[in-house]
Amino acid sequence: MYREYCKILHAKDKFVFFHSDGQIGDIFGDLIKVGIDAIHADLHLMDAQRLTKRFRGRVTSGAGRTQSC
């Protein structure tokens, strides 16, 4: 399903962003394989250094923590 969405968006010269609030370190590679261009996730839940070494240059990532007021 995600692969098809990525193909449609890439055909229109769009980037594909994926957001998750969970620990998705185990599926980072799969997300990149289907065509995700940027992943916004809670990297503090994962081994960010390992992910950086493994996927540097293949995907853009962003992370942040939401603070309640």
PDB file of N, CA and C in Angstrom:
ATOM      1  N   MET A   1       0.812  -1.183   0.000  1.00  0.00           N
ATOM      2  CA  MET A   1       0.000   0.000   0.000  1.00  0.00           C
ATOM      3  C   MET A   1       0.866   1.261   0.000  1.00  0.00           C
ATOM      4  N   TYR A   2       1.820   1.361   0.937  1.00  0.00           N
ATOM      5  CA  TYR A   2       2.661   2.557   0.987  1.00  0.00           C
ATOM      6  C   TYR A   2       3.483   2.716  -0.285  1.00  0.00           C
ATOM      7  N   ARG A   3       3.957   1.615  -0.850  1.00  0.00           N
ATOM      8  CA  ARG A   3       4.745   1.683  -2.081  1.00  0.00           C
ATOM      9  C   ARG A   3       3.940   2.352  -3.196  1.00  0.00           C
ATOM     10  N   GLU A   4       2.665   1.987  -3.307  1.00  0.00           N
ATOM     11  CA  GLU A   4       1.812   2.575  -4.347  1.00  0.00           C
ATOM     12  C   GLU A   4       1.599   4.080  -4.105  1.00  0.00           C
ATOM     13  N   TYR A   5       1.373   4.454  -2.855  1.00  0.00           N
ATOM     14  CA  TYR A   5       1.237   5.879  -2.526  1.00  0.00           C
ATOM     15  C   TYR A   5       2.499   6.638  -2.892  1.00  0.00           C
ATOM     16  N   CYS A   6       3.643   6.057  -2.588  1.00  0.00           N
ATOM     17  CA  CYS A   6       4.920   6.708  -2.888  1.00  0.00           C
ATOM     18  C   CYS A   6       5.099   6.878  -4.392  1.00  0.00           C
ATOM     19  N   LYS A   7       4.754   5.866  -5.154  1.00  0.00           N
ATOM     20  CA  LYS A   7       4.867   5.955  -6.616  1.00  0.00           C
ATOM     21  C   LYS A   7       4.004   7.077  -7.165  1.00  0.00           C
ATOM     22  N   ILE A   8       2.785   7.180  -6.676  1.00  0.00           N
ATOM     23  CA  ILE A   8       1.869   8.231  -7.139  1.00  0.00           C
ATOM     24  C   ILE A   8       2.439   9.609  -6.822  1.00  0.00           C
ATOM     25  N   LEU A   9       2.891   9.794  -5.594  1.00  0.00           N
ATOM     26  CA  LEU A   9       3.418  11.096  -5.188  1.00  0.00           C
ATOM     27  C   LEU A   9       4.724  11.431  -5.895  1.00  0.00           C
ATOM     28  N   HIS A  10       5.616  10.470  -6.036  1.00  0.00           N
ATOM     29  CA  HIS A  10       6.875  10.713  -6.730  1.00  0.00           C
ATOM     30  C   HIS A  10       6.639  11.057  -8.198  1.00  0.00           C
ATOM     31  N   ALA A  11       5.624  10.458  -8.819  1.00  0.00           N
ATOM     32  CA  ALA A  11       5.283  10.768 -10.212  1.00  0.00           C
ATOM     33  C   ALA A  11       4.851  12.221 -10.376  1.00  0.00           C
ATOM     34  N   LYS A  12       4.380  12.810  -9.301  1.00  0.00           N
ATOM     35  CA  LYS A  12       3.956  14.221  -9.304  1.00  0.00           C
ATOM     36  C   LYS A  12       5.045  15.122  -8.721  1.00  0.00           C
ATOM     37  N   ASP A  13       6.276  14.597  -8.622  1.00  0.00           N
ATOM     38  CA  ASP A  13       7.430  15.336  -8.077  1.00  0.00           C
ATOM     39  C   ASP A  13       7.209  15.794  -6.639  1.00  0.00           C
ATOM     40  N   LYS A  14       6.566  14.959  -5.856  1.00  0.00           N
ATOM     41  CA  LYS A  14       6.326  15.250  -4.431  1.00  0.00           C
ATOM     42  C   LYS A  14       7.190  14.338  -3.573  1.00  0.00           C
ATOM     43  N   PHE A  15       7.495  14.801  -2.388  1.00  0.00           N
ATOM     44  CA  PHE A  15       8.207  14.000  -1.411  1.00  0.00           C
ATOM     45  C   PHE A  15       7.192  13.321  -0.495  1.00  0.00           C
ATOM     46  N   VAL A  16       7.585  12.187   0.067  1.00  0.00           N
ATOM     47  CA  VAL A  16       6.708  11.430   0.952  1.00  0.00           C
ATOM     48  C   VAL A  16       7.278  11.478   2.367  1.00  0.00           C
ATOM     49  N   PHE A  17       6.472  11.964   3.293  1.00  0.00           N
ATOM     50  CA  PHE A  17       6.846  12.059   4.700  1.00  0.00           C
ATOM     51  C   PHE A  17       6.040  11.035   5.488  1.00  0.00           C
ATOM     52  N   PHE A  18       6.688  10.404   6.454  1.00  0.00           N
ATOM     53  CA  PHE A  18       6.040   9.408   7.307  1.00  0.00           C
ATOM     54  C   PHE A  18       6.221   9.837   8.749  1.00  0.00           C
ATOM     55  N   HIS A  19       5.145   9.806   9.517  1.00  0.00           N
ATOM     56  CA  HIS A  19       5.211  10.177  10.935  1.00  0.00           C
ATOM     57  C   HIS A  19       4.757   9.012  11.790  1.00  0.00           C
ATOM     58  N   SER A  20       5.466   8.821  12.902  1.00  0.00           N
ATOM     59  CA  SER A  20       5.056   7.807  13.876  1.00  0.00           C
ATOM     60  C   SER A  20       5.415   8.284  15.273  1.00  0.00           C
ATOM     61  N   ASP A  21       4.574   7.975  16.226  1.00  0.00           N
ATOM     62  CA  ASP A  21       4.848   8.283  17.632  1.00  0.00           C
ATOM     63  C   ASP A  21       5.424   7.085  18.366  1.00  0.00           C
ATOM     64  N   GLY A  22       5.753   6.045  17.643  1.00  0.00           N
ATOM     65  CA  GLY A  22       6.217   4.827  18.300  1.00  0.00           C
ATOM     66  C   GLY A  22       7.659   4.487  17.990  1.00  0.00           C
ATOM     67  N   GLN A  23       8.077   3.333  18.450  1.00  0.00           N
ATOM     68  CA  GLN A  23       9.419   2.822  18.214  1.00  0.00           C
ATOM     69  C   GLN A  23       9.379   2.066  16.893  1.00  0.00           C
ATOM     70  N   ILE A  24       9.875   2.684  15.821  1.00  0.00           N
ATOM     71  CA  ILE A  24       9.799   2.080  14.491  1.00  0.00           C
ATOM     72  C   ILE A  24      11.174   1.746  13.922  1.00  0.00           C
ATOM     73  N   GLY A  25      12.173   1.676  14.771  1.00  0.00           N
ATOM     74  CA  GLY A  25      13.533   1.390  14.310  1.00  0.00           C
ATOM     75  C   GLY A  25      13.629   0.125  13.478  1.00  0.00           C
ATOM     76  N   ASP A  26      12.854  -0.889  13.826  1.00  0.00           N
ATOM     77  CA  ASP A  26      12.908  -2.165  13.110  1.00  0.00           C
ATOM     78  C   ASP A  26      12.352  -2.088  11.687  1.00  0.00           C
ATOM     79  N   ILE A  27      11.551  -1.076  11.388  1.00  0.00           N
ATOM     80  CA  ILE A  27      10.976  -0.979  10.040  1.00  0.00           C
ATOM     81  C   ILE A  27      11.512   0.201   9.241  1.00  0.00           C
ATOM     82  N   PHE A  28      12.522   0.908   9.765  1.00  0.00           N
ATOM     83  CA  PHE A  28      13.119   2.041   9.036  1.00  0.00           C
ATOM     84  C   PHE A  28      13.511   1.622   7.624  1.00  0.00           C
ATOM     85  N   GLY A  29      14.247   0.528   7.497  1.00  0.00           N
ATOM     86  CA  GLY A  29      14.696   0.063   6.183  1.00  0.00           C
ATOM     87  C   GLY A  29      13.546  -0.248   5.249  1.00  0.00           C
ATOM     88  N   ASP A  30      12.493  -0.841   5.773  1.00  0.00           N
ATOM     89  CA  ASP A  30      11.316  -1.158   4.959  1.00  0.00           C
ATOM     90  C   ASP A  30      10.643   0.116   4.456  1.00  0.00           C
ATOM     91  N   LEU A  31      10.562   1.123   5.310  1.00  0.00           N
ATOM     92  CA  LEU A  31       9.952   2.386   4.895  1.00  0.00           C
ATOM     93  C   LEU A  31      10.746   3.035   3.767  1.00  0.00           C
ATOM     94  N   ILE A  32      12.055   2.969   3.867  1.00  0.00           N
ATOM     95  CA  ILE A  32      12.909   3.532   2.823  1.00  0.00           C
ATOM     96  C   ILE A  32      12.742   2.737   1.525  1.00  0.00           C
ATOM     97  N   LYS A  33      12.688   1.419   1.621  1.00  0.00           N
ATOM     98  CA  LYS A  33      12.539   0.570   0.432  1.00  0.00           C
ATOM     99  C   LYS A  33      11.263   0.868  -0.340  1.00  0.00           C
ATOM    100  N   VAL A  34      10.173   1.185   0.360  1.00  0.00           N
ATOM    101  CA  VAL A  34       8.912   1.455  -0.346  1.00  0.00           C
ATOM    102  C   VAL A  34       8.859   2.864  -0.913  1.00  0.00           C
ATOM    103  N   GLY A  35       9.838   3.714  -0.530  1.00  0.00           N
ATOM    104  CA  GLY A  35       9.909   5.037  -1.142  1.00  0.00           C
ATOM    105  C   GLY A  35       9.704   6.223  -0.233  1.00  0.00           C
ATOM    106  N   ILE A  36       9.641   6.008   1.065  1.00  0.00           N
ATOM    107  CA  ILE A  36       9.488   7.134   1.995  1.00  0.00           C
ATOM    108  C   ILE A  36      10.743   8.003   1.922  1.00  0.00           C
ATOM    109  N   ASP A  37      10.566   9.313   1.810  1.00  0.00           N
ATOM    110  CA  ASP A  37      11.687  10.243   1.684  1.00  0.00           C
ATOM    111  C   ASP A  37      12.126  10.833   3.021  1.00  0.00           C
ATOM    112  N   ALA A  38      11.197  10.999   3.938  1.00  0.00           N
ATOM    113  CA  ALA A  38      11.505  11.608   5.231  1.00  0.00           C
ATOM    114  C   ALA A  38      10.684  10.920   6.315  1.00  0.00           C
ATOM    115  N   ILE A  39      11.342  10.654   7.440  1.00  0.00           N
ATOM    116  CA  ILE A  39      10.671   9.983   8.554  1.00  0.00           C
ATOM    117  C   ILE A  39      10.766  10.867   9.787  1.00  0.00           C
ATOM    118  N   HIS A  40       9.617  11.178  10.351  1.00  0.00           N
ATOM    119  CA  HIS A  40       9.557  11.945  11.593  1.00  0.00           C
ATOM    120  C   HIS A  40       9.087  10.976  12.669  1.00  0.00           C
ATOM    121  N   ALA A  41       9.973  10.692  13.613  1.00  0.00           N
ATOM    122  CA  ALA A  41       9.652   9.685  14.632  1.00  0.00           C
ATOM    123  C   ALA A  41      10.305  10.065  15.949  1.00  0.00           C
ATOM    124  N   ASP A  42       9.904   9.388  16.982  1.00  0.00           N
ATOM    125  CA  ASP A  42      10.486   9.598  18.312  1.00  0.00           C
ATOM    126  C   ASP A  42      11.815   8.853  18.396  1.00  0.00           C
ATOM    127  N   LEU A  43      12.871   9.484  17.901  1.00  0.00           N
ATOM    128  CA  LEU A  43      14.175   8.824  17.853  1.00  0.00           C
ATOM    129  C   LEU A  43      14.719   8.520  19.241  1.00  0.00           C
ATOM    130  N   HIS A  44      14.247   9.219  20.255  1.00  0.00           N
ATOM    131  CA  HIS A  44      14.719   8.928  21.612  1.00  0.00           C
ATOM    132  C   HIS A  44      14.258   7.542  22.088  1.00  0.00           C
ATOM    133  N   LEU A  45      13.305   6.942  21.386  1.00  0.00           N
ATOM    134  CA  LEU A  45      12.853   5.589  21.710  1.00  0.00           C
ATOM    135  C   LEU A  45      13.695   4.513  21.014  1.00  0.00           C
ATOM    136  N   MET A  46      14.567   4.958  20.103  1.00  0.00           N
ATOM    137  CA  MET A  46      15.330   4.024  19.275  1.00  0.00           C
ATOM    138  C   MET A  46      16.825   4.280  19.433  1.00  0.00           C
ATOM    139  N   ASP A  47      17.620   3.434  18.819  1.00  0.00           N
ATOM    140  CA  ASP A  47      19.070   3.622  18.792  1.00  0.00           C
ATOM    141  C   ASP A  47      19.389   4.554  17.627  1.00  0.00           C
ATOM    142  N   ALA A  48      19.320   5.855  17.883  1.00  0.00           N
ATOM    143  CA  ALA A  48      19.475   6.863  16.829  1.00  0.00           C
ATOM    144  C   ALA A  48      20.848   6.790  16.166  1.00  0.00           C
ATOM    145  N   GLN A  49      21.892   6.504  16.926  1.00  0.00           N
ATOM    146  CA  GLN A  49      23.231   6.416  16.332  1.00  0.00           C
ATOM    147  C   GLN A  49      23.316   5.265  15.333  1.00  0.00           C
ATOM    148  N   ARG A  50      22.733   4.129  15.679  1.00  0.00           N
ATOM    149  CA  ARG A  50      22.732   2.982  14.768  1.00  0.00           C
ATOM    150  C   ARG A  50      21.943   3.297  13.498  1.00  0.00           C
ATOM    151  N   LEU A  51      20.779   3.934  13.668  1.00  0.00           N
ATOM    152  CA  LEU A  51      19.966   4.297  12.510  1.00  0.00           C
ATOM    153  C   LEU A  51      20.704   5.278  11.614  1.00  0.00           C
ATOM    154  N   THR A  52      21.387   6.243  12.220  1.00  0.00           N
ATOM    155  CA  THR A  52      22.134   7.232  11.446  1.00  0.00           C
ATOM    156  C   THR A  52      23.234   6.556  10.636  1.00  0.00           C
ATOM    157  N   LYS A  53      23.997   5.681  11.269  1.00  0.00           N
ATOM    158  CA  LYS A  53      25.074   4.986  10.558  1.00  0.00           C
ATOM    159  C   LYS A  53      24.531   4.139   9.413  1.00  0.00           C
ATOM    160  N   ARG A  54      23.434   3.473   9.659  1.00  0.00           N
ATOM    161  CA  ARG A  54      22.891   2.541   8.666  1.00  0.00           C
ATOM    162  C   ARG A  54      22.187   3.234   7.493  1.00  0.00           C
ATOM    163  N   PHE A  55      21.493   4.347   7.764  1.00  0.00           N
ATOM    164  CA  PHE A  55      20.647   4.937   6.728  1.00  0.00           C
ATOM    165  C   PHE A  55      21.062   6.342   6.280  1.00  0.00           C
ATOM    166  N   ARG A  56      22.198   6.816   6.729  1.00  0.00           N
ATOM    167  CA  ARG A  56      22.672   8.160   6.344  1.00  0.00           C
ATOM    168  C   ARG A  56      22.699   8.282   4.818  1.00  0.00           C
ATOM    169  N   GLY A  57      22.137   9.391   4.342  1.00  0.00           N
ATOM    170  CA  GLY A  57      22.125   9.656   2.915  1.00  0.00           C
ATOM    171  C   GLY A  57      20.987   9.003   2.152  1.00  0.00           C
ATOM    172  N   ARG A  58      20.211   8.163   2.820  1.00  0.00           N
ATOM    173  CA  ARG A  58      19.115   7.469   2.144  1.00  0.00           C
ATOM    174  C   ARG A  58      17.739   8.021   2.506  1.00  0.00           C
ATOM    175  N   VAL A  59      17.659   8.726   3.622  1.00  0.00           N
ATOM    176  CA  VAL A  59      16.379   9.257   4.088  1.00  0.00           C
ATOM    177  C   VAL A  59      16.652  10.468   4.982  1.00  0.00           C
ATOM    178  N   THR A  60      15.724  11.376   5.008  1.00  0.00           N
ATOM    179  CA  THR A  60      15.789  12.503   5.936  1.00  0.00           C
ATOM    180  C   THR A  60      14.981  12.120   7.154  1.00  0.00           C
ATOM    181  N   SER A  61      15.508  12.443   8.322  1.00  0.00           N
ATOM    182  CA  SER A  61      14.744  12.142   9.521  1.00  0.00           C
ATOM    183  C   SER A  61      14.641  13.372  10.376  1.00  0.00           C
ATOM    184  N   GLY A  62      13.581  13.404  11.125  1.00  0.00           N
ATOM    185  CA  GLY A  62      13.369  14.490  12.064  1.00  0.00           C
ATOM    186  C   GLY A  62      12.777  13.903  13.317  1.00  0.00           C
ATOM    187  N   ALA A  63      13.016  14.568  14.389  1.00  0.00           N
ATOM    188  CA  ALA A  63      12.480  14.060  15.645  1.00  0.00           C
ATOM    189  C   ALA A  63      12.157  15.240  16.538  1.00  0.00           C
ATOM    190  N   GLY A  64      11.307  14.986  17.425  1.00  0.00           N
ATOM    191  CA  GLY A  64      10.958  16.027  18.376  1.00  0.00           C
ATOM    192  C   GLY A  64      10.144  15.438  19.507  1.00  0.00           C
ATOM    193  N   ARG A  65      10.115  16.160  20.548  1.00  0.00           N
ATOM    194  CA  ARG A  65       9.292  15.746  21.680  1.00  0.00           C
ATOM    195  C   ARG A  65       8.207  16.782  21.863  1.00  0.00           C
ATOM    196  N   THR A  66       7.028  16.316  22.025  1.00  0.00           N
ATOM    197  CA  THR A  66       5.905  17.212  22.260  1.00  0.00           C
ATOM    198  C   THR A  66       5.784  17.440  23.752  1.00  0.00           C
ATOM    199  N   GLN A  67       5.698  18.681  24.124  1.00  0.00           N
ATOM    200  CA  GLN A  67       5.528  18.998  25.534  1.00  0.00           C
ATOM    201  C   GLN A  67       4.114  19.456  25.788  1.00  0.00           C
ATOM    202  N   SER A  68       3.520  18.947  26.824  1.00  0.00           N
ATOM    203  CA  SER A  68       2.194  19.389  27.213  1.00  0.00           C
ATOM    204  C   SER A  68       2.303  20.672  28.009  1.00  0.00           C
ATOM    205  N   CYS A  69       1.382  21.547  27.803  1.00  0.00           N
ATOM    206  CA  CYS A  69       1.369  22.815  28.545  1.00  0.00           C
ATOM    207  C   CYS A  69       0.508  22.718  29.775  1.00  0.00           C
TER     208      CYS A  69
END
